Amino acid sequence: MGPVKLKPVRKNYIWGTEDWMLSRLHEGLEDIPLLIKIITAREALSVQVHPEDALAWELEGARGKTEMWYVLACEPGAYLYYGLKHRISVNEFQKRIQNQTILEVCQRTAVKKGDVFFIPAGQIHAIGKGITVAEVQQSSDITYRVYDYNREDGNHQRRELHVEKALLAADFMPPLAGHHPMGPRVQKIGYSRTLLVQCPHFVVQLYEIEEFMEEIVKDTFQSLLVLEGQGTLKSPYGSMELSKGDSIFLPKEAGACRITGRLQILLSEV
């Protein structure tokens, strides 16, 4: 099996859209451990938290959710909530949810294009209005909302909060990582590579191709998300044109691949 260009699956929400670029919804990828999305937030997302694997299996019978964001675009003055300002107690967390003051202890962070945010399971977070991100995450839908701005859905009902489960999942601490790449930008012949995030669940790198790069798919699959530019991917299975917005699945059988052109690519693997 050679490289496959995937068609995005669009999902519409009260706050904006998600385009699932690599997911279990794609034919033949039902067991894929990653979910890669483009999230466009016309309005702020809920303040939420996700459980780690052990708790998720206990409560939901599914894997947990650690994720990362790479900011693709944002409106002037855009911000998001990234962890807490300081450690708080479980009691304070619960009371602030009840009296709707949880935002007072959430860390409000201004964003710009190219920012990187690592969100391990347990960290409180929320994407703000006017932000578009590429999100790489464990393939999981488990989200525990703790604050949703008192919004109503199409049926004029407030969306459900998940306070009791959030109390079990949240870590009540500031983020352990900053919002910057975990590794330096390394210049190679024809391209550069920057390690954005490395964790037990995935590795995400930014490739900035000026002329060409060669990649050998070995023990696992790789996902290529074209962020900017145009080029050509060549493999033992033939050639494929690449342009902004393309999502390419490289199975481990793809072998040696060569990409030529001027492109920015988000490369994700487990």
Protein backbone atom coordinates (compact mmCIF):
# COMPACT_ATOMS: atom_id res chain seq x y z
CA MET A 1 0.00 0.00 0.00
CA GLY A 2 1.36 3.38 -1.00
CA PRO A 3 0.65 6.98 0.08
CA VAL A 4 -3.03 7.91 0.28
CA LYS A 5 -4.51 11.41 0.03
CA LEU A 6 -7.36 11.62 2.55
CA LYS A 7 -10.54 13.63 2.11
CA PRO A 8 -11.33 15.77 5.17
CA VAL A 9 -14.47 14.97 7.16
CA ARG A 10 -16.21 18.20 8.19
CA LYS A 11 -17.94 18.46 11.58
CA ASN A 12 -20.00 21.52 12.55
CA TYR A 13 -20.41 22.73 16.12
CA ILE A 14 -22.00 25.60 17.97
CA TRP A 15 -18.60 27.34 18.13
CA GLY A 16 -17.18 26.55 14.67
CA THR A 17 -15.87 23.61 12.65
CA GLU A 18 -13.50 20.67 12.77
CA ASP A 19 -12.03 19.11 9.65
CA TRP A 20 -10.87 15.59 10.50
CA MET A 21 -7.78 15.19 8.35
CA LEU A 22 -6.70 11.76 9.64
CA SER A 23 -9.17 9.71 11.64
CA ARG A 24 -10.88 6.41 12.29
CA LEU A 25 -13.65 7.65 9.99
CA HIS A 26 -11.39 7.18 6.97
CA GLU A 27 -11.77 3.82 5.24
CA GLY A 28 -9.12 1.33 6.32
CA LEU A 29 -8.02 3.47 9.29
CA GLU A 30 -10.64 2.38 11.79
CA ASP A 31 -7.95 1.41 14.33
CA ILE A 32 -5.66 4.40 13.79
CA PRO A 33 -4.41 5.66 17.21
CA LEU A 34 -4.21 9.33 16.16
CA LEU A 35 -6.82 11.92 15.29
CA ILE A 36 -5.60 14.98 13.37
CA LYS A 37 -7.91 17.96 12.91
CA ILE A 38 -8.05 21.50 11.65
CA ILE A 39 -10.11 23.40 14.24
CA THR A 40 -11.61 26.75 13.27
CA ALA A 41 -13.05 28.56 16.27
CA ARG A 42 -15.53 31.27 15.28
CA GLU A 43 -16.42 31.45 18.98
CA ALA A 44 -14.58 30.24 22.07
CA LEU A 45 -14.67 26.53 22.85
CA SER A 46 -15.77 25.35 26.27
CA VAL A 47 -13.32 25.20 29.16
CA GLN A 48 -12.58 21.50 29.38
CA VAL A 49 -10.30 18.69 30.45
CA HIS A 50 -9.57 15.18 29.17
CA PRO A 51 -8.74 12.05 31.18
CA GLU A 52 -5.55 10.03 30.94
CA ASP A 53 -5.67 6.44 29.69
CA ALA A 54 -6.25 4.57 32.96
CA LEU A 55 -9.13 6.80 34.08
CA ALA A 56 -10.64 6.87 30.60
CA TRP A 57 -10.70 3.09 30.43
CA GLU A 58 -12.24 2.95 33.91
CA LEU A 59 -14.96 5.55 33.23
CA GLU A 60 -15.58 5.27 29.50
CA GLY A 61 -14.02 2.04 28.24
CA ALA A 62 -11.82 4.00 25.82
CA ARG A 63 -8.36 5.55 25.58
CA GLY A 64 -7.60 8.92 27.10
CA LYS A 65 -6.77 12.14 25.31
CA THR A 66 -3.47 13.96 25.22
CA GLU A 67 -3.20 16.55 22.44
CA MET A 68 -1.20 19.39 20.93
CA TRP A 69 -2.06 22.52 18.94
CA TYR A 70 -0.11 24.28 16.23
CA VAL A 71 -1.57 27.73 15.57
CA LEU A 72 -2.25 28.23 11.86
CA ALA A 73 -3.99 31.62 12.03
CA CYS A 74 -5.56 33.99 14.53
CA GLU A 75 -7.34 37.30 14.69
CA PRO A 76 -5.58 40.28 16.31
CA GLY A 77 -5.83 40.04 20.08
CA ALA A 78 -6.82 36.36 20.04
CA TYR A 79 -6.12 34.31 23.16
CA LEU A 80 -6.77 30.91 24.67
CA TYR A 81 -6.79 29.35 28.12
CA TYR A 82 -3.79 27.13 28.81
CA GLY A 83 -3.77 25.49 32.22
CA LEU A 84 -4.26 27.24 35.56
CA LYS A 85 -2.45 30.31 36.92
CA HIS A 86 -1.46 28.44 40.07
CA ARG A 87 -2.23 25.25 41.93
CA ILE A 88 -5.71 25.10 43.45
CA SER A 89 -7.51 22.58 45.63
CA VAL A 90 -10.23 20.23 44.49
CA ASN A 91 -12.71 22.13 46.67
CA GLU A 92 -11.82 25.48 45.12
CA PHE A 93 -12.07 24.00 41.63
CA GLN A 94 -15.53 22.62 42.39
CA LYS A 95 -16.75 25.88 43.95
CA ARG A 96 -15.47 27.96 41.04
CA ILE A 97 -17.34 25.75 38.60
CA GLN A 98 -20.50 26.13 40.66
CA ASN A 99 -20.30 29.92 40.92
CA GLN A 100 -18.94 30.32 37.36
CA THR A 101 -15.64 31.96 38.31
CA ILE A 102 -13.35 29.25 36.92
CA LEU A 103 -11.95 31.65 34.28
CA GLU A 104 -10.43 33.75 37.06
CA VAL A 105 -7.85 31.04 37.74
CA CYS A 106 -7.33 29.90 34.13
CA GLN A 107 -4.12 31.11 32.47
CA ARG A 108 -5.09 33.41 29.59
CA THR A 109 -2.42 33.30 26.87
CA ALA A 110 -2.15 35.50 23.78
CA VAL A 111 -1.46 33.56 20.59
CA LYS A 112 0.25 34.15 17.27
CA LYS A 113 0.73 32.07 14.15
CA GLY A 114 3.28 29.30 14.72
CA ASP A 115 2.73 28.92 18.46
CA VAL A 116 2.82 25.37 19.82
CA PHE A 117 0.79 24.16 22.79
CA PHE A 118 1.18 20.72 24.40
CA ILE A 119 -1.91 19.72 26.39
CA PRO A 120 -1.40 16.50 28.37
CA ALA A 121 -4.44 14.73 29.76
CA GLY A 122 -5.56 16.46 32.94
CA GLN A 123 -4.73 20.02 31.88
CA ILE A 124 -7.56 22.57 31.79
CA HIS A 125 -7.75 24.38 28.45
CA ALA A 126 -9.93 26.16 25.90
CA ILE A 127 -9.33 27.48 22.40
CA GLY A 128 -10.44 31.08 22.09
CA LYS A 129 -12.46 32.95 19.48
CA GLY A 130 -10.84 33.68 16.13
CA ILE A 131 -8.18 30.97 16.25
CA THR A 132 -7.42 28.18 13.77
CA VAL A 133 -5.19 25.32 14.89
CA ALA A 134 -3.94 22.01 13.64
CA GLU A 135 -4.59 19.54 16.45
CA VAL A 136 -2.84 16.20 16.86
CA GLN A 137 -4.33 13.99 19.57
CA GLN A 138 -4.94 10.48 20.72
CA SER A 139 -7.94 9.08 18.89
CA SER A 140 -10.52 9.81 21.58
CA ASP A 141 -13.74 11.80 21.87
CA ILE A 142 -13.72 12.06 25.67
CA THR A 143 -14.18 15.67 26.77
CA TYR A 144 -15.34 16.86 30.18
CA ARG A 145 -16.73 20.40 30.02
CA VAL A 146 -16.58 22.58 33.14
CA TYR A 147 -17.68 25.95 31.71
CA ASP A 148 -19.48 26.84 28.48
CA TYR A 149 -20.38 30.54 28.74
CA ASN A 150 -24.04 29.61 29.41
CA ARG A 151 -24.54 28.97 25.69
CA GLU A 152 -27.58 27.20 24.31
CA ASP A 153 -27.70 24.68 21.49
CA GLY A 154 -30.14 24.66 18.56
CA ASN A 155 -32.87 23.37 20.87
CA HIS A 156 -32.32 26.23 23.34
CA GLN A 157 -30.77 23.85 25.85
CA ARG A 158 -27.53 24.51 27.68
CA ARG A 159 -24.86 21.97 26.82
CA GLU A 160 -24.10 19.40 29.49
CA LEU A 161 -21.26 19.95 31.94
CA HIS A 162 -19.29 17.01 33.33
CA VAL A 163 -18.22 18.27 36.73
CA GLU A 164 -17.90 15.01 38.66
CA LYS A 165 -15.76 13.37 35.98
CA ALA A 166 -13.70 16.52 35.52
CA LEU A 167 -12.89 16.49 39.24
CA LEU A 168 -11.35 13.05 38.74
CA ALA A 169 -9.50 13.95 35.53
CA ALA A 170 -8.09 17.43 36.23
CA ASP A 171 -4.64 18.00 37.73
CA PHE A 172 -5.42 21.51 39.20
CA MET A 173 -1.95 22.80 38.24
CA PRO A 174 -0.26 25.28 35.89
CA PRO A 175 1.08 23.79 32.63
CA LEU A 176 4.38 21.97 32.89
CA ALA A 177 5.40 22.96 29.34
CA GLY A 178 5.54 26.35 27.66
CA HIS A 179 3.94 27.18 24.33
CA HIS A 180 7.00 26.72 22.14
CA PRO A 181 8.62 23.82 20.25
CA MET A 182 10.25 21.12 22.35
CA GLY A 183 13.29 21.02 20.07
CA PRO A 184 15.45 23.41 18.01
CA ARG A 185 15.15 24.15 14.32
CA VAL A 186 17.70 21.93 12.55
CA GLN A 187 18.85 22.95 9.08
CA LYS A 188 19.47 20.15 6.59
CA ILE A 189 20.32 20.16 2.89
CA GLY A 190 17.12 21.20 1.13
CA TYR A 191 14.91 21.58 4.22
CA SER A 192 14.74 22.28 7.94
CA ARG A 193 13.11 20.28 10.71
CA THR A 194 11.72 21.41 14.07
CA LEU A 195 10.54 19.05 16.80
CA LEU A 196 7.26 20.54 18.02
CA VAL A 197 6.08 17.88 20.49
CA GLN A 198 7.33 14.49 21.62
CA CYS A 199 5.37 12.44 24.15
CA PRO A 200 4.50 8.75 24.70
CA HIS A 201 1.50 9.06 22.37
CA PHE A 202 2.89 10.89 19.34
CA VAL A 203 5.74 12.85 17.81
CA VAL A 204 5.00 15.96 15.73
CA GLN A 205 7.60 17.78 13.63
CA LEU A 206 7.45 20.79 11.34
CA TYR A 207 9.28 20.39 8.03
CA GLU A 208 10.04 23.53 6.03
CA ILE A 209 11.08 22.33 2.60
CA GLU A 210 13.04 24.74 0.42
CA GLU A 211 14.03 22.29 -2.33
CA PHE A 212 13.59 18.65 -1.33
CA MET A 213 13.59 16.14 1.51
CA GLU A 214 13.72 12.38 1.70
CA GLU A 215 11.80 10.38 4.28
CA ILE A 216 11.90 6.65 4.95
CA VAL A 217 8.77 5.20 6.57
CA LYS A 218 9.96 2.36 8.79
CA ASP A 219 8.14 0.79 11.73
CA THR A 220 4.92 2.79 11.79
CA PHE A 221 2.72 5.04 9.69
CA GLN A 222 3.26 8.75 9.16
CA SER A 223 0.81 11.57 8.56
CA LEU A 224 1.71 14.56 6.40
CA LEU A 225 -0.42 17.70 6.68
CA VAL A 226 0.52 20.36 4.13
CA LEU A 227 0.28 23.76 5.81
CA GLU A 228 1.69 25.96 3.03
CA GLY A 229 3.04 25.70 -0.51
CA GLN A 230 3.07 23.16 -3.30
CA GLY A 231 5.22 20.23 -4.31
CA THR A 232 5.43 16.61 -5.39
CA LEU A 233 5.72 13.42 -3.38
CA LYS A 234 7.42 10.47 -5.09
CA SER A 235 7.43 6.93 -3.72
CA PRO A 236 7.86 3.41 -5.14
CA TYR A 237 4.12 3.60 -5.81
CA GLY A 238 4.26 6.67 -8.06
CA SER A 239 3.95 10.44 -7.82
CA MET A 240 1.41 12.65 -6.04
CA GLU A 241 0.97 16.40 -6.23
CA LEU A 242 0.83 18.21 -2.91
CA SER A 243 -0.77 21.56 -2.06
CA LYS A 244 -1.95 23.49 1.00
CA GLY A 245 -4.65 21.59 2.92
CA ASP A 246 -3.68 18.11 1.74
CA SER A 247 -3.56 15.27 4.26
CA ILE A 248 -1.40 12.31 3.24
CA PHE A 249 -1.31 8.95 5.00
CA LEU A 250 1.97 7.07 4.60
CA PRO A 251 1.63 3.43 5.69
CA LYS A 252 4.72 1.67 6.97
CA GLU A 253 4.89 -0.17 3.64
CA ALA A 254 5.37 3.13 1.77
CA GLY A 255 9.15 2.88 1.99
CA ALA A 256 11.38 5.70 0.79
CA CYS A 257 9.57 8.92 -0.16
CA ARG A 258 10.99 12.09 -1.69
CA ILE A 259 9.22 15.45 -1.54
CA THR A 260 10.26 18.31 -3.81
CA GLY A 261 8.98 21.89 -3.88
CA ARG A 262 8.51 24.69 -1.36
CA LEU A 263 6.23 23.55 1.42
CA GLN A 264 5.54 23.56 5.14
CA ILE A 265 4.48 20.13 6.38
CA LEU A 266 3.34 18.89 9.76
CA LEU A 267 4.63 15.32 10.10
CA SER A 268 3.03 13.19 12.82
CA GLU A 269 3.75 9.63 13.91
CA VAL A 270 3.39 7.39 16.94
